[in-house]
């Protein structure tokens, strides 16, 4: 892969997540989450990004926040990262009871896959974790699970 220097990097969850924003960019590095070598190519692009490089993330919430965390760990700043939740899909939920972060759909309640507590998903969102807060749905019977 060529050195990205300050070329914009566009990371798409899938080819269908591509938006018209790509057409406005000058020679972007395009990465598609469906490519078999995606993880390797993403790591190379992030490690070769220089100060001022712009990163565009396109996909569902779970995807864009996962890549956002990787970009921050690689040294990119928040103002160098643009996120567009271009596709409906999964979001991350953090269980306040066992500490597990798990992918979940848009439903307001779910059963934690780690501790099996029925969770209510709050609107509180942690940018650090890239996840919504899940708290016990029924404190009187936490392990009864959530029944949709």
Protein backbone atom coordinates (compact mmCIF):
# COMPACT_ATOMS: atom_id res chain seq x y z
CA UNK A 1 0.00 0.00 0.00
CA UNK A 2 1.28 3.46 -0.79
CA UNK A 3 2.01 5.92 1.98
CA UNK A 4 -1.21 7.84 2.65
CA UNK A 5 0.49 11.07 3.71
CA UNK A 6 -2.47 13.39 4.14
CA UNK A 7 -4.79 11.68 1.63
CA UNK A 8 -8.29 11.28 3.04
CA UNK A 9 -9.10 7.76 4.24
CA UNK A 10 -12.65 6.50 3.71
CA UNK A 11 -13.62 3.41 5.70
CA UNK A 12 -16.94 1.87 4.62
CA UNK A 13 -18.70 -0.98 6.36
CA UNK A 14 -19.78 -2.26 2.94
CA UNK A 15 -19.76 -1.08 -0.65
CA UNK A 16 -23.39 -0.02 -0.23
CA UNK A 17 -22.40 2.39 2.59
CA UNK A 18 -20.56 4.60 0.09
CA UNK A 19 -22.08 8.05 -0.17
CA UNK A 20 -21.64 11.05 -2.38
CA UNK A 21 -19.02 12.39 0.06
CA UNK A 22 -16.45 10.11 -1.61
CA UNK A 23 -16.94 11.89 -4.94
CA UNK A 24 -15.93 15.22 -3.37
CA UNK A 25 -12.58 13.95 -2.04
CA UNK A 26 -9.22 14.17 -3.82
CA UNK A 27 -7.70 10.70 -4.30
CA UNK A 28 -9.11 9.06 -1.17
CA UNK A 29 -7.82 5.77 0.19
CA UNK A 30 -10.95 3.56 0.09
CA UNK A 31 -11.31 0.67 2.53
CA UNK A 32 -14.28 -1.68 2.50
CA UNK A 33 -15.11 -3.68 5.65
CA UNK A 34 -16.23 -6.62 3.49
CA UNK A 35 -12.76 -7.10 1.96
CA UNK A 36 -10.92 -10.18 3.27
CA UNK A 37 -7.77 -8.18 4.07
CA UNK A 38 -9.69 -5.26 5.64
CA UNK A 39 -8.09 -5.42 9.12
CA UNK A 40 -4.56 -5.41 7.70
CA UNK A 41 -5.28 -2.59 5.22
CA UNK A 42 -6.98 -0.51 7.91
CA UNK A 43 -4.03 -0.89 10.28
CA UNK A 44 -1.62 0.11 7.49
CA UNK A 45 -3.69 3.18 6.57
CA UNK A 46 -4.01 4.33 10.18
CA UNK A 47 -0.32 3.82 10.94
CA UNK A 48 0.73 5.79 7.86
CA UNK A 49 -1.71 8.67 8.43
CA UNK A 50 -0.05 11.99 9.13
CA UNK A 51 -1.19 15.03 11.07
CA UNK A 52 -4.13 16.66 9.32
CA UNK A 53 -5.25 13.48 7.57
CA UNK A 54 -9.04 13.16 7.45
CA UNK A 55 -10.74 9.86 8.24
CA UNK A 56 -14.32 9.29 7.06
CA UNK A 57 -16.27 6.42 8.61
CA UNK A 58 -19.46 5.12 6.98
CA UNK A 59 -21.60 2.33 8.40
CA UNK A 60 -23.80 1.39 11.33
CA UNK A 61 -23.09 2.67 14.85
CA UNK A 62 -21.27 -0.45 16.01
CA UNK A 63 -18.93 -0.32 13.00
CA UNK A 64 -18.12 3.40 13.05
CA UNK A 65 -17.44 3.50 16.80
CA UNK A 66 -15.22 0.39 16.63
CA UNK A 67 -13.13 1.97 13.87
CA UNK A 68 -13.19 5.32 15.70
CA UNK A 69 -11.58 3.62 18.73
CA UNK A 70 -8.90 2.05 16.52
CA UNK A 71 -8.18 5.41 14.88
CA UNK A 72 -7.88 7.17 18.25
CA UNK A 73 -5.53 4.42 19.46
CA UNK A 74 -3.44 4.99 16.32
CA UNK A 75 -3.10 8.69 17.21
CA UNK A 76 -5.81 10.42 15.17
CA UNK A 77 -7.64 13.24 16.92
CA UNK A 78 -11.44 13.56 17.16
CA UNK A 79 -11.46 16.55 14.80
CA UNK A 80 -9.70 14.47 12.12
CA UNK A 81 -12.50 11.85 12.14
CA UNK A 82 -15.92 12.26 10.50
CA UNK A 83 -18.55 9.63 11.21
CA UNK A 84 -21.72 8.95 9.24
CA UNK A 85 -24.13 6.25 10.36
CA UNK A 86 -25.15 5.56 6.79
CA UNK A 87 -26.75 2.19 7.36
CA UNK A 88 -29.20 1.01 9.97
CA UNK A 89 -27.97 -1.88 11.99
CA UNK A 90 -26.21 -2.74 15.17
CA UNK A 91 -25.11 -0.53 18.03
CA UNK A 92 -22.88 -1.32 20.98
CA UNK A 93 -24.39 -1.67 24.48
CA UNK A 94 -22.26 -1.66 27.64
CA UNK A 95 -23.65 -3.79 30.50
CA UNK A 96 -23.30 -1.85 33.76
CA UNK A 97 -23.46 -5.13 35.68
CA UNK A 98 -20.73 -7.30 34.14
CA UNK A 99 -18.82 -4.77 32.02
CA UNK A 100 -19.34 -6.57 28.72
CA UNK A 101 -19.81 -4.49 25.57
CA UNK A 102 -22.02 -6.30 23.07
CA UNK A 103 -23.59 -5.62 19.69
CA UNK A 104 -27.35 -5.15 19.80
CA UNK A 105 -30.14 -4.01 17.53
CA UNK A 106 -32.26 -0.91 18.00
CA UNK A 107 -34.62 -2.51 20.57
CA UNK A 108 -34.84 -0.65 23.90
CA UNK A 109 -34.27 -3.86 25.92
CA UNK A 110 -32.15 -7.00 25.62
CA UNK A 111 -30.66 -9.84 27.64
CA UNK A 112 -26.95 -9.45 28.36
CA UNK A 113 -25.00 -12.28 26.75
CA UNK A 114 -22.42 -12.10 29.55
CA UNK A 115 -24.38 -12.09 32.80
CA UNK A 116 -27.92 -12.77 31.47
CA UNK A 117 -29.40 -9.73 33.21
CA UNK A 118 -32.36 -8.20 31.38
CA UNK A 119 -31.10 -4.77 30.28
CA UNK A 120 -32.85 -1.52 29.44
CA UNK A 121 -30.76 0.44 26.96
CA UNK A 122 -30.48 4.06 28.05
CA UNK A 123 -29.96 7.03 25.75
CA UNK A 124 -26.68 7.76 27.57
CA UNK A 125 -23.81 7.21 25.12
CA UNK A 126 -20.16 6.90 26.09
CA UNK A 127 -17.80 8.20 23.41
CA UNK A 128 -14.91 6.55 25.23
CA UNK A 129 -16.56 3.11 25.03
CA UNK A 130 -18.47 3.78 21.81
CA UNK A 131 -21.51 2.25 23.46
CA UNK A 132 -24.89 2.95 25.03
CA UNK A 133 -25.43 2.18 28.71
CA UNK A 134 -27.45 -0.93 29.55
CA UNK A 135 -28.89 -1.15 33.08
CA UNK A 136 -31.01 -3.75 34.84
CA UNK A 137 -34.54 -3.71 33.42
CA UNK A 138 -36.14 -5.18 36.56
CA UNK A 139 -34.02 -4.77 39.74
CA UNK A 140 -36.38 -7.02 41.72
CA UNK A 141 -35.71 -9.92 39.31
CA UNK A 142 -32.45 -9.10 37.47
CA UNK A 143 -31.85 -12.63 36.16
CA UNK A 144 -35.39 -13.16 34.95
CA UNK A 145 -34.27 -11.75 31.62
CA UNK A 146 -36.17 -9.51 29.29
CA UNK A 147 -39.26 -10.96 27.67
CA UNK A 148 -40.12 -9.12 24.42
